[in-house]
């Protein structure tokens, strides 16, 4: 039986020759090596790479099988191995990012579809997780009047973020701010949320919601955290926008979505562009708010982080709400400031 001749091997993607091997293998499938991959497992037949799958965080991705080897149970073997590892890490729900053509194959492996676009299919192992999330949002819904939404990372929360929330708050009867919960930014998610809460406490029609796994996460929009602008970014942005339009917005009763104009970050600009195309078809008004400027340049979190990196913390005061600046001057912020100064991360 062919299966007995298949050998599974860990592929160290940090070694250039192995990275190139996987890159070459994935290319005919229209896939690229995801830089968020933590582990990649290859299936070899006569020393030839004929299948592979990997994961980053709680998301299995970059799954591909040589067409000559289909029907030999290789996908089942790869996915079962990766699932066992992720479950052993304590993960209760595991996501799968793949092509729509693979839907039936992964349904047979007990994955459940969350959303499918023309380019991308997102699935998960816990069939009740996404419905539970939507039920939790529905409990916050108040019918009647206009309801706005903003998705915000705020790394950290600046006067630019505050300006966007103020504009949206003035335009709607109530406003939900969904805070990106993925912990890949220099400011941890809990701190980002705390600073948004402190900086908007006086705005009575504003409520914060944890974005969870279904709002700009490693599952719904992995390239957001890579800051690239390519075909994959647009496909991922469309998946995230579709998830918002078909699930999150109806659950909350959202009528209007607000974003900040993005002149600097190409990934966010791509995301805004996709939302402008997608939202009107679902009767959701799209609003792009001009960026607040100070000293001749947009107020942005990246500008604040650049000043911190240059050891110009005092100069950030002009760009931040007092609550964020007070935090940056506290002992609690010292590890984050040290991390910014020693990091080349753009996020």
Foldseek 3Di string as FASTA:
>chain_A
DQVVQKDKDKQDCVDPVSVVLLQVVLVVVVDGDQPQFPTKMFIDHPNHTAWIWTDHQQEIESTDGHVVCPPVCPSVVRVVVRVVVNVVVVDPKGKYKDAPVCVVVVVVVQWAWLDHDNGITMTMNDPCPQVVVLLVLLVQADDDWAEEEEEDAPLAPWVQNVVQCVVVLVVTQAYEYAYEQAQLHLDHSVRRVVQVCVSCVVSVRYDYHHNPCLAPYCRQQVCVQVLDDDPSLLVSLLSSLVSCLPGVCVSRVHQEYEDEDDPDRNSVNSSLVSNVVPNVVSNHHYYYHYFDDDPHGGQDSLVQLVCLLVVNLVVCVVTHDPSVSVVCVDPVNVVSSVCSNPDPRSD
